[in-house]
Amino acid sequence: MALKRLCACVVLLASLGHIPSSVAVILRTTDKIVWANEFEPIELTCLIESISTNNPRIEWKKIKNGVPSYVYFQNKIAGDLEHRAQLREPANILIYNTTRSDTAEYRCEVAAIDDQRDFDEILISLAVRVKPVVPRCSVPEAVTVGTQTELRCLENEGFPAPQYRWFHDNEELPQDPKISLKFVNSSYSINPDTGSLKFRRVRKEDAGEYYCQAKNDAGHAQCPSQKMEVYDVDILDIFLKSFGGVVAFICVTATVCNCLKRVCSPKRSHNENNYNWPAQNDGVDYGDADEGHFRHKSSFII
């Protein structure tokens, strides 16, 4: 009778969701969202808080883009973590060297057939931080005072996406030039998300060495410094424009003169070498021109 009452109490508690820990497998983790740096070790914790079964079945699955695959199955590491991870007591997964491809969700599953609630699972999200590589920087070699110009910086390997900082002559440019006495008169603006450094009006003081740094929580990288010169007047541009104008003037002048020469030159007569033979009315036939000798066709009286 007492055993029946105990069973009835267990069933009632189970129906109400109040199952004693001695008859239920319960899991927990220290962190449901885990960050790791690439090529460094990380441990995903799956702690068994309560269990009665001596040899529970433990499985780990990796879920990426909604597709699950085994990480730990039938008491051994499987999948793309093979030879790169191990199971640690009680059910933790230790990854020796994480890579960016390890970014995914991981599910720890424990089945305990001797427990009243014989199954529990816990989901952990792993994000692997990737250090930025050397960014690609674009700095104009020469600009003119008072003109607009833009310096660009781009890096697309780092994760999370890096923030960008610009340096002028080894000194970091503040995001807002108005907060610095040295740069208060400068007209630049920096976009830390895109890496753009824009000058609305370039000053002589803006000349110098520039480099950009890309940084996230995994580290930073910077491009080699590049020199930007600032001129008062763009002499080369003026010379090229002037030279082009002179060449164009010479071409137009030569064309006009050639046309005038053709119009004003006298026309040569096509008949200046032709002879008009006078009419022969003396009654003498001199013969055909092609006969080559003279023939007397009629008599004449002296």
C-alpha atoms as a PDB file:
ATOM      1  CA  MET A   1       0.000   0.000   0.000  1.00  0.00           C
ATOM      2  CA  ALA A   2       2.789   2.400   0.904  1.00  0.00           C
ATOM      3  CA  LEU A   3       4.603   1.612  -2.387  1.00  0.00           C
ATOM      4  CA  LYS A   4       1.445   2.338  -4.338  1.00  0.00           C
ATOM      5  CA  ARG A   5       1.072   5.684  -2.562  1.00  0.00           C
ATOM      6  CA  LEU A   6       4.727   6.544  -3.369  1.00  0.00           C
ATOM      7  CA  CYS A   7       4.240   5.728  -7.035  1.00  0.00           C
ATOM      8  CA  ALA A   8       1.047   7.742  -7.077  1.00  0.00           C
ATOM      9  CA  CYS A   9       2.914  10.711  -5.567  1.00  0.00           C
ATOM     10  CA  VAL A  10       5.676  10.423  -8.187  1.00  0.00           C
ATOM     11  CA  VAL A  11       3.141  10.331 -10.984  1.00  0.00           C
ATOM     12  CA  LEU A  12       1.302  13.323  -9.504  1.00  0.00           C
ATOM     13  CA  LEU A  13       4.518  15.320  -9.128  1.00  0.00           C
ATOM     14  CA  ALA A  14       5.565  14.414 -12.660  1.00  0.00           C
ATOM     15  CA  SER A  15       2.221  15.632 -13.982  1.00  0.00           C
ATOM     16  CA  LEU A  16       2.672  18.890 -12.114  1.00  0.00           C
ATOM     17  CA  GLY A  17       6.266  19.313 -13.301  1.00  0.00           C
ATOM     18  CA  HIS A  18       7.755  18.864  -9.807  1.00  0.00           C
ATOM     19  CA  ILE A  19       9.964  15.806 -10.277  1.00  0.00           C
ATOM     20  CA  PRO A  20      12.528  15.116  -7.582  1.00  0.00           C
ATOM     21  CA  SER A  21      16.088  15.345  -8.851  1.00  0.00           C
ATOM     22  CA  SER A  22      16.729  11.723  -7.913  1.00  0.00           C
ATOM     23  CA  VAL A  23      14.372  10.511 -10.632  1.00  0.00           C
ATOM     24  CA  ALA A  24      15.214  13.038 -13.397  1.00  0.00           C
ATOM     25  CA  VAL A  25      18.254  13.889 -15.491  1.00  0.00           C
ATOM     26  CA  ILE A  26      18.874  17.636 -15.386  1.00  0.00           C
ATOM     27  CA  LEU A  27      21.550  19.513 -17.367  1.00  0.00           C
ATOM     28  CA  ARG A  28      22.952  23.019 -17.057  1.00  0.00           C
ATOM     29  CA  THR A  29      25.807  25.043 -18.546  1.00  0.00           C
ATOM     30  CA  THR A  30      27.977  27.865 -17.342  1.00  0.00           C
ATOM     31  CA  ASP A  31      27.514  29.862 -20.570  1.00  0.00           C
ATOM     32  CA  LYS A  32      24.864  29.515 -23.251  1.00  0.00           C
ATOM     33  CA  ILE A  33      26.671  32.047 -25.451  1.00  0.00           C
ATOM     34  CA  VAL A  34      30.405  31.417 -25.777  1.00  0.00           C
ATOM     35  CA  TRP A  35      33.033  33.503 -27.569  1.00  0.00           C
ATOM     36  CA  ALA A  36      36.439  32.118 -28.524  1.00  0.00           C
ATOM     37  CA  ASN A  37      39.465  33.446 -30.379  1.00  0.00           C
ATOM     38  CA  GLU A  38      40.532  31.577 -33.487  1.00  0.00           C
ATOM     39  CA  PHE A  39      43.294  28.976 -32.935  1.00  0.00           C
ATOM     40  CA  GLU A  40      42.781  29.076 -29.163  1.00  0.00           C
ATOM     41  CA  PRO A  41      41.158  26.335 -26.993  1.00  0.00           C
ATOM     42  CA  ILE A  42      37.597  26.589 -25.693  1.00  0.00           C
ATOM     43  CA  GLU A  43      35.458  24.315 -23.514  1.00  0.00           C
ATOM     44  CA  LEU A  44      31.700  23.937 -23.922  1.00  0.00           C
ATOM     45  CA  THR A  45      30.207  22.935 -20.583  1.00  0.00           C
ATOM     46  CA  CYS A  46      27.428  20.387 -20.232  1.00  0.00           C
ATOM     47  CA  LEU A  47      27.030  19.774 -16.503  1.00  0.00           C
ATOM     48  CA  ILE A  48      24.833  16.952 -15.249  1.00  0.00           C
ATOM     49  CA  GLU A  49      23.149  18.430 -12.226  1.00  0.00           C
ATOM     50  CA  SER A  50      21.043  15.368 -11.377  1.00  0.00           C
ATOM     51  CA  ILE A  51      20.972  11.767 -12.617  1.00  0.00           C
ATOM     52  CA  SER A  52      20.283   8.241 -11.306  1.00  0.00           C
ATOM     53  CA  THR A  53      21.477   6.197 -14.279  1.00  0.00           C
ATOM     54  CA  ASN A  54      25.055   4.976 -13.969  1.00  0.00           C
ATOM     55  CA  ASN A  55      25.976   4.956 -17.660  1.00  0.00           C
ATOM     56  CA  PRO A  56      23.900   7.586 -19.472  1.00  0.00           C
ATOM     57  CA  ARG A  57      24.142   8.003 -23.227  1.00  0.00           C
ATOM     58  CA  ILE A  58      25.877  11.291 -24.063  1.00  0.00           C
ATOM     59  CA  GLU A  59      25.777  12.883 -27.494  1.00  0.00           C
ATOM     60  CA  TRP A  60      26.864  16.250 -28.922  1.00  0.00           C
ATOM     61  CA  LYS A  61      25.546  17.705 -32.164  1.00  0.00           C
ATOM     62  CA  LYS A  62      26.655  20.698 -34.178  1.00  0.00           C
ATOM     63  CA  ILE A  63      23.870  22.724 -35.831  1.00  0.00           C
ATOM     64  CA  LYS A  64      24.953  25.033 -38.631  1.00  0.00           C
ATOM     65  CA  ASN A  65      22.550  26.702 -41.043  1.00  0.00           C
ATOM     66  CA  GLY A  66      19.804  24.558 -39.514  1.00  0.00           C
ATOM     67  CA  VAL A  67      21.559  21.264 -40.397  1.00  0.00           C
ATOM     68  CA  PRO A  68      22.679  19.013 -37.468  1.00  0.00           C
ATOM     69  CA  SER A  69      25.762  16.798 -37.548  1.00  0.00           C
ATOM     70  CA  TYR A  70      27.408  14.624 -34.899  1.00  0.00           C
ATOM     71  CA  VAL A  71      30.278  15.933 -32.818  1.00  0.00           C
ATOM     72  CA  TYR A  72      30.328  13.176 -30.183  1.00  0.00           C
ATOM     73  CA  PHE A  73      28.583   9.894 -30.988  1.00  0.00           C
ATOM     74  CA  GLN A  74      28.994   6.325 -29.698  1.00  0.00           C
ATOM     75  CA  ASN A  75      31.676   7.380 -27.234  1.00  0.00           C
ATOM     76  CA  LYS A  76      34.006   9.087 -29.716  1.00  0.00           C
ATOM     77  CA  ILE A  77      34.554  12.443 -31.359  1.00  0.00           C
ATOM     78  CA  ALA A  78      33.139  12.633 -34.879  1.00  0.00           C
ATOM     79  CA  GLY A  79      32.707  15.058 -37.734  1.00  0.00           C
ATOM     80  CA  ASP A  80      34.986  18.035 -38.364  1.00  0.00           C
ATOM     81  CA  LEU A  81      36.105  18.082 -34.704  1.00  0.00           C
ATOM     82  CA  GLU A  82      37.749  14.673 -34.974  1.00  0.00           C
ATOM     83  CA  HIS A  83      41.355  14.879 -33.725  1.00  0.00           C
ATOM     84  CA  ARG A  84      40.662  18.443 -32.534  1.00  0.00           C
ATOM     85  CA  ALA A  85      38.493  17.827 -29.466  1.00  0.00           C
ATOM     86  CA  GLN A  86      37.811  15.484 -26.571  1.00  0.00           C
ATOM     87  CA  LEU A  87      35.018  14.722 -24.123  1.00  0.00           C
ATOM     88  CA  ARG A  88      35.776  15.749 -20.554  1.00  0.00           C
ATOM     89  CA  GLU A  89      33.883  14.666 -17.436  1.00  0.00           C
ATOM     90  CA  PRO A  90      31.074  14.801 -16.949  1.00  0.00           C
ATOM     91  CA  ALA A  91      29.989  15.737 -20.492  1.00  0.00           C
ATOM     92  CA  ASN A  92      31.995  18.774 -21.552  1.00  0.00           C
ATOM     93  CA  ILE A  93      33.527  19.195 -24.993  1.00  0.00           C
ATOM     94  CA  LEU A  94      37.035  20.704 -25.166  1.00  0.00           C
ATOM     95  CA  ILE A  95      38.097  22.059 -28.574  1.00  0.00           C
ATOM     96  CA  TYR A  96      41.893  22.338 -28.799  1.00  0.00           C
ATOM     97  CA  ASN A  97      42.163  24.983 -31.518  1.00  0.00           C
ATOM     98  CA  THR A  98      39.001  26.641 -32.706  1.00  0.00           C
ATOM     99  CA  THR A  99      38.605  27.839 -36.264  1.00  0.00           C
ATOM    100  CA  ARG A 100      36.112  30.177 -37.876  1.00  0.00           C
ATOM    101  CA  SER A 101      34.263  27.144 -39.255  1.00  0.00           C
ATOM    102  CA  ASP A 102      33.442  26.101 -35.673  1.00  0.00           C
ATOM    103  CA  THR A 103      31.039  29.022 -35.302  1.00  0.00           C
ATOM    104  CA  ALA A 104      27.660  27.301 -34.823  1.00  0.00           C
ATOM    105  CA  GLU A 105      25.179  26.045 -32.217  1.00  0.00           C
ATOM    106  CA  TYR A 106      26.078  22.945 -30.209  1.00  0.00           C
ATOM    107  CA  ARG A 107      23.534  20.715 -28.482  1.00  0.00           C
ATOM    108  CA  CYS A 108      24.402  18.434 -25.579  1.00  0.00           C
ATOM    109  CA  GLU A 109      21.973  15.514 -25.174  1.00  0.00           C
ATOM    110  CA  VAL A 110      21.909  13.064 -22.246  1.00  0.00           C
ATOM    111  CA  ALA A 111      19.649   9.996 -22.079  1.00  0.00           C
ATOM    112  CA  ALA A 112      19.274   8.179 -18.734  1.00  0.00           C
ATOM    113  CA  ILE A 113      17.005   5.147 -18.957  1.00  0.00           C
ATOM    114  CA  ASP A 114      16.851   4.591 -15.175  1.00  0.00           C
ATOM    115  CA  ASP A 115      15.495   8.075 -14.447  1.00  0.00           C
ATOM    116  CA  GLN A 116      11.854   9.057 -14.353  1.00  0.00           C
ATOM    117  CA  ARG A 117      12.617  11.862 -16.822  1.00  0.00           C
ATOM    118  CA  ASP A 118      15.146  10.042 -18.895  1.00  0.00           C
ATOM    119  CA  PHE A 119      16.259  12.772 -21.320  1.00  0.00           C
ATOM    120  CA  ASP A 120      17.509  16.358 -21.222  1.00  0.00           C
ATOM    121  CA  GLU A 121      19.356  18.628 -23.591  1.00  0.00           C
ATOM    122  CA  ILE A 122      20.981  22.047 -23.557  1.00  0.00           C
ATOM    123  CA  LEU A 123      21.887  24.376 -26.445  1.00  0.00           C
ATOM    124  CA  ILE A 124      25.103  26.414 -26.545  1.00  0.00           C
ATOM    125  CA  SER A 125      26.013  29.048 -29.127  1.00  0.00           C
ATOM    126  CA  LEU A 126      29.697  29.314 -30.064  1.00  0.00           C
ATOM    127  CA  ALA A 127      31.098  32.305 -31.973  1.00  0.00           C
ATOM    128  CA  VAL A 128      34.751  32.296 -32.976  1.00  0.00           C
ATOM    129  CA  ARG A 129      36.447  35.674 -33.170  1.00  0.00           C
ATOM    130  CA  VAL A 130      38.856  36.128 -36.091  1.00  0.00           C
ATOM    131  CA  LYS A 131      41.725  38.596 -35.940  1.00  0.00           C
ATOM    132  CA  PRO A 132      41.782  41.142 -38.791  1.00  0.00           C
ATOM    133  CA  VAL A 133      44.380  40.817 -41.520  1.00  0.00           C
ATOM    134  CA  VAL A 134      46.375  43.762 -42.891  1.00  0.00           C
ATOM    135  CA  PRO A 135      43.789  46.175 -44.348  1.00  0.00           C
ATOM    136  CA  ARG A 136      44.000  47.630 -47.845  1.00  0.00           C
ATOM    137  CA  CYS A 137      44.609  51.380 -47.610  1.00  0.00           C
ATOM    138  CA  SER A 138      44.237  54.013 -50.321  1.00  0.00           C
ATOM    139  CA  VAL A 139      45.932  57.394 -49.726  1.00  0.00           C
ATOM    140  CA  PRO A 140      46.245  60.012 -52.532  1.00  0.00           C
ATOM    141  CA  GLU A 141      49.841  60.981 -53.251  1.00  0.00           C
ATOM    142  CA  ALA A 142      49.118  64.683 -53.799  1.00  0.00           C
ATOM    143  CA  VAL A 143      46.137  67.003 -53.360  1.00  0.00           C
ATOM    144  CA  THR A 144      45.527  70.734 -53.683  1.00  0.00           C
ATOM    145  CA  VAL A 145      44.692  73.081 -50.826  1.00  0.00           C
ATOM    146  CA  GLY A 146      40.945  73.678 -50.492  1.00  0.00           C
ATOM    147  CA  THR A 147      39.848  70.600 -52.442  1.00  0.00           C
ATOM    148  CA  GLN A 148      37.966  67.516 -51.234  1.00  0.00           C
ATOM    149  CA  THR A 149      39.666  64.151 -50.886  1.00  0.00           C
ATOM    150  CA  GLU A 150      39.037  60.745 -49.311  1.00  0.00           C
ATOM    151  CA  LEU A 151      41.320  58.121 -47.769  1.00  0.00           C
ATOM    152  CA  ARG A 152      39.980  54.536 -47.709  1.00  0.00           C
ATOM    153  CA  CYS A 153      40.666  51.496 -45.535  1.00  0.00           C
ATOM    154  CA  LEU A 154      39.124  48.023 -45.948  1.00  0.00           C
ATOM    155  CA  GLU A 155      39.518  44.634 -44.250  1.00  0.00           C
ATOM    156  CA  ASN A 156      37.091  41.733 -44.796  1.00  0.00           C
ATOM    157  CA  GLU A 157      38.540  38.788 -42.844  1.00  0.00           C
ATOM    158  CA  GLY A 158      38.030  39.819 -39.236  1.00  0.00           C
ATOM    159  CA  PHE A 159      35.035  38.656 -37.174  1.00  0.00           C
ATOM    160  CA  PRO A 160      33.226  40.478 -35.724  1.00  0.00           C
ATOM    161  CA  ALA A 161      33.623  43.212 -38.300  1.00  0.00           C
ATOM    162  CA  PRO A 162      36.467  45.463 -37.176  1.00  0.00           C
ATOM    163  CA  GLN A 163      36.364  49.126 -36.285  1.00  0.00           C
ATOM    164  CA  TYR A 164      38.754  51.443 -38.120  1.00  0.00           C
ATOM    165  CA  ARG A 165      41.098  54.110 -36.784  1.00  0.00           C
ATOM    166  CA  TRP A 166      43.313  56.531 -38.729  1.00  0.00           C
ATOM    167  CA  PHE A 167      46.753  57.843 -37.723  1.00  0.00           C
ATOM    168  CA  HIS A 168      48.484  60.996 -38.982  1.00  0.00           C
ATOM    169  CA  ASP A 169      52.250  61.156 -38.422  1.00  0.00           C
ATOM    170  CA  ASN A 170      51.911  58.312 -35.855  1.00  0.00           C
ATOM    171  CA  GLU A 171      49.240  60.201 -33.893  1.00  0.00           C
ATOM    172  CA  GLU A 172      45.674  58.878 -33.809  1.00  0.00           C
ATOM    173  CA  LEU A 173      43.088  61.182 -35.323  1.00  0.00           C
ATOM    174  CA  PRO A 174      40.174  61.716 -32.921  1.00  0.00           C
ATOM    175  CA  GLN A 175      36.744  60.768 -34.214  1.00  0.00           C
ATOM    176  CA  ASP A 176      35.614  64.357 -33.749  1.00  0.00           C
ATOM    177  CA  PRO A 177      38.325  66.900 -34.616  1.00  0.00           C
ATOM    178  CA  LYS A 178      36.513  69.572 -32.574  1.00  0.00           C
ATOM    179  CA  ILE A 179      37.490  67.909 -29.293  1.00  0.00           C
ATOM    180  CA  SER A 180      41.216  68.333 -30.015  1.00  0.00           C
ATOM    181  CA  LEU A 181      43.031  71.671 -30.012  1.00  0.00           C
ATOM    182  CA  LYS A 182      45.459  70.340 -32.606  1.00  0.00           C
ATOM    183  CA  PHE A 183      42.779  69.302 -35.089  1.00  0.00           C
ATOM    184  CA  VAL A 184      39.995  71.751 -34.220  1.00  0.00           C
ATOM    185  CA  ASN A 185      40.413  73.607 -37.542  1.00  0.00           C
ATOM    186  CA  SER A 186      40.512  70.473 -39.629  1.00  0.00           C
ATOM    187  CA  SER A 187      37.508  69.538 -41.780  1.00  0.00           C
ATOM    188  CA  TYR A 188      37.910  65.744 -41.779  1.00  0.00           C
ATOM    189  CA  SER A 189      35.366  63.129 -40.728  1.00  0.00           C
ATOM    190  CA  ILE A 190      35.974  59.443 -39.932  1.00  0.00           C
ATOM    191  CA  ASN A 191      33.537  56.567 -40.390  1.00  0.00           C
ATOM    192  CA  PRO A 192      34.778  53.815 -38.021  1.00  0.00           C
ATOM    193  CA  ASP A 193      32.504  51.209 -39.629  1.00  0.00           C
ATOM    194  CA  THR A 194      33.598  51.694 -43.249  1.00  0.00           C
ATOM    195  CA  GLY A 195      37.148  52.985 -42.751  1.00  0.00           C
ATOM    196  CA  SER A 196      36.573  56.200 -44.717  1.00  0.00           C
ATOM    197  CA  LEU A 197      38.515  59.385 -43.872  1.00  0.00           C
ATOM    198  CA  LYS A 198      37.100  62.390 -45.765  1.00  0.00           C
ATOM    199  CA  PHE A 199      38.414  65.947 -45.969  1.00  0.00           C
ATOM    200  CA  ARG A 200      35.929  68.615 -47.004  1.00  0.00           C
ATOM    201  CA  ARG A 201      38.707  71.201 -47.480  1.00  0.00           C
ATOM    202  CA  VAL A 202      42.323  70.097 -47.397  1.00  0.00           C
ATOM    203  CA  ARG A 203      44.803  72.286 -45.475  1.00  0.00           C
ATOM    204  CA  LYS A 204      48.576  72.492 -45.734  1.00  0.00           C
ATOM    205  CA  GLU A 205      48.707  71.019 -42.219  1.00  0.00           C
ATOM    206  CA  ASP A 206      46.975  67.863 -43.468  1.00  0.00           C
ATOM    207  CA  ALA A 207      50.082  66.786 -45.374  1.00  0.00           C
ATOM    208  CA  GLY A 208      52.062  63.906 -43.873  1.00  0.00           C
ATOM    209  CA  GLU A 209      52.153  60.150 -43.297  1.00  0.00           C
ATOM    210  CA  TYR A 210      48.856  58.251 -42.926  1.00  0.00           C
ATOM    211  CA  TYR A 211      48.024  54.670 -41.965  1.00  0.00           C
ATOM    212  CA  CYS A 212      44.872  52.840 -40.882  1.00  0.00           C
ATOM    213  CA  GLN A 213      44.283  50.243 -38.172  1.00  0.00           C
ATOM    214  CA  ALA A 214      41.510  47.613 -38.155  1.00  0.00           C
ATOM    215  CA  LYS A 215      40.656  46.260 -34.703  1.00  0.00           C
ATOM    216  CA  ASN A 216      38.200  43.844 -33.074  1.00  0.00           C
ATOM    217  CA  ASP A 217      38.152  41.768 -29.879  1.00  0.00           C
ATOM    218  CA  ALA A 218      40.502  39.172 -31.404  1.00  0.00           C
ATOM    219  CA  GLY A 219      43.271  41.638 -32.250  1.00  0.00           C
ATOM    220  CA  HIS A 220      44.277  44.318 -34.719  1.00  0.00           C
ATOM    221  CA  ALA A 221      46.287  44.885 -37.917  1.00  0.00           C
ATOM    222  CA  GLN A 222      47.417  47.988 -39.764  1.00  0.00           C
ATOM    223  CA  CYS A 223      48.568  48.925 -43.241  1.00  0.00           C
ATOM    224  CA  PRO A 224      51.967  50.500 -44.009  1.00  0.00           C
ATOM    225  CA  SER A 225      52.067  54.290 -43.778  1.00  0.00           C
ATOM    226  CA  GLN A 226      51.661  56.295 -46.987  1.00  0.00           C
ATOM    227  CA  LYS A 227      52.590  59.914 -47.638  1.00  0.00           C
ATOM    228  CA  MET A 228      50.112  62.553 -48.799  1.00  0.00           C
ATOM    229  CA  GLU A 229      51.489  65.856 -50.081  1.00  0.00           C
ATOM    230  CA  VAL A 230      49.447  69.075 -50.212  1.00  0.00           C
ATOM    231  CA  TYR A 231      50.198  71.769 -52.827  1.00  0.00           C
ATOM    232  CA  ASP A 232      49.054  75.380 -52.993  1.00  0.00           C
ATOM    233  CA  VAL A 233      48.543  75.193 -56.768  1.00  0.00           C
ATOM    234  CA  ASP A 234      48.385  72.169 -58.992  1.00  0.00           C
ATOM    235  CA  ILE A 235      51.273  73.174 -61.306  1.00  0.00           C
ATOM    236  CA  LEU A 236      51.216  69.984 -63.319  1.00  0.00           C
ATOM    237  CA  ASP A 237      47.502  70.291 -64.031  1.00  0.00           C
ATOM    238  CA  ILE A 238      47.903  73.917 -65.138  1.00  0.00           C
ATOM    239  CA  PHE A 239      50.805  72.986 -67.431  1.00  0.00           C
ATOM    240  CA  LEU A 240      48.886  70.118 -69.024  1.00  0.00           C
ATOM    241  CA  LYS A 241      45.824  72.300 -69.585  1.00  0.00           C
ATOM    242  CA  SER A 242      47.911  75.133 -71.071  1.00  0.00           C
ATOM    243  CA  PHE A 243      49.847  72.775 -73.311  1.00  0.00           C
ATOM    244  CA  GLY A 244      46.614  71.215 -74.511  1.00  0.00           C
ATOM    245  CA  GLY A 245      45.200  74.662 -75.309  1.00  0.00           C
ATOM    246  CA  VAL A 246      48.272  75.639 -77.348  1.00  0.00           C
ATOM    247  CA  VAL A 247      48.172  72.416 -79.325  1.00  0.00           C
ATOM    248  CA  ALA A 248      44.483  72.887 -80.040  1.00  0.00           C
ATOM    249  CA  PHE A 249      45.067  76.497 -81.200  1.00  0.00           C
ATOM    250  CA  ILE A 250      47.864  75.427 -83.553  1.00  0.00           C
ATOM    251  CA  CYS A 251      45.703  72.691 -85.060  1.00  0.00           C
ATOM    252  CA  VAL A 252      42.775  75.054 -85.647  1.00  0.00           C
ATOM    253  CA  THR A 253      45.020  77.729 -87.165  1.00  0.00           C
ATOM    254  CA  ALA A 254      46.674  75.239 -89.524  1.00  0.00           C
ATOM    255  CA  THR A 255      43.303  73.934 -90.638  1.00  0.00           C
ATOM    256  CA  VAL A 256      41.950  77.433 -91.360  1.00  0.00           C
ATOM    257  CA  CYS A 257      45.061  78.450 -93.322  1.00  0.00           C
ATOM    258  CA  ASN A 258      44.936  75.315 -95.420  1.00  0.00           C
ATOM    259  CA  CYS A 259      41.292  75.942 -96.289  1.00  0.00           C
ATOM    260  CA  LEU A 260      41.990  79.567 -97.250  1.00  0.00           C
ATOM    261  CA  LYS A 261      44.907  78.504 -99.432  1.00  0.00           C
ATOM    262  CA  ARG A 262      42.748  76.124-101.394  1.00  0.00           C
ATOM    263  CA  VAL A 263      40.013  78.718-101.913  1.00  0.00           C
ATOM    264  CA  CYS A 264      42.332  81.574-102.983  1.00  0.00           C
ATOM    265  CA  SER A 265      44.710  79.679-105.365  1.00  0.00           C
ATOM    266  CA  PRO A 266      43.967  80.353-109.203  1.00  0.00           C
ATOM    267  CA  LYS A 267      42.479  77.606-111.246  1.00  0.00           C
ATOM    268  CA  ARG A 268      44.682  76.243-113.994  1.00  0.00           C
ATOM    269  CA  SER A 269      43.197  76.213-117.561  1.00  0.00           C
ATOM    270  CA  HIS A 270      42.732  72.799-118.928  1.00  0.00           C
ATOM    271  CA  ASN A 271      42.964  74.151-122.582  1.00  0.00           C
ATOM    272  CA  GLU A 272      46.197  76.180-122.357  1.00  0.00           C
ATOM    273  CA  ASN A 273      48.114  73.601-124.409  1.00  0.00           C
ATOM    274  CA  ASN A 274      45.410  73.025-127.044  1.00  0.00           C
ATOM    275  CA  TYR A 275      45.690  74.535-130.533  1.00  0.00           C
ATOM    276  CA  ASN A 276      42.797  75.755-132.719  1.00  0.00           C
ATOM    277  CA  TRP A 277      43.479  75.003-136.342  1.00  0.00           C
ATOM    278  CA  PRO A 278      42.244  77.712-138.725  1.00  0.00           C
ATOM    279  CA  ALA A 279      39.688  76.745-141.329  1.00  0.00           C
ATOM    280  CA  GLN A 280      41.084  75.927-144.814  1.00  0.00           C
ATOM    281  CA  ASN A 281      39.208  77.779-147.590  1.00  0.00           C
ATOM    282  CA  ASP A 282      41.900  77.968-150.333  1.00  0.00           C
ATOM    283  CA  GLY A 283      40.613  74.951-152.215  1.00  0.00           C
ATOM    284  CA  VAL A 284      43.739  72.968-151.471  1.00  0.00           C
ATOM    285  CA  ASP A 285      43.437  69.672-149.786  1.00  0.00           C
ATOM    286  CA  TYR A 286      46.481  69.240-147.619  1.00  0.00           C
ATOM    287  CA  GLY A 287      45.665  65.663-146.949  1.00  0.00           C
ATOM    288  CA  ASP A 288      44.952  63.860-143.829  1.00  0.00           C
ATOM    289  CA  ALA A 289      47.191  64.569-140.900  1.00  0.00           C
ATOM    290  CA  ASP A 290      47.924  60.896-140.423  1.00  0.00           C
ATOM    291  CA  GLU A 291      49.187  60.292-144.023  1.00  0.00           C
ATOM    292  CA  GLY A 292      52.644  61.736-143.345  1.00  0.00           C
ATOM    293  CA  HIS A 293      53.211  63.382-146.826  1.00  0.00           C
ATOM    294  CA  PHE A 294      51.769  66.057-149.143  1.00  0.00           C
ATOM    295  CA  ARG A 295      49.473  65.175-152.035  1.00  0.00           C
ATOM    296  CA  HIS A 296      48.327  67.439-154.837  1.00  0.00           C
ATOM    297  CA  LYS A 297      44.639  66.910-155.340  1.00  0.00           C
ATOM    298  CA  SER A 298      43.857  69.678-157.812  1.00  0.00           C
ATOM    299  CA  SER A 299      45.665  71.818-160.408  1.00  0.00           C
ATOM    300  CA  PHE A 300      46.485  75.402-159.906  1.00  0.00           C
ATOM    301  CA  ILE A 301      47.396  78.128-162.418  1.00  0.00           C
ATOM    302  CA  ILE A 302      50.384  80.418-162.032  1.00  0.00           C
END
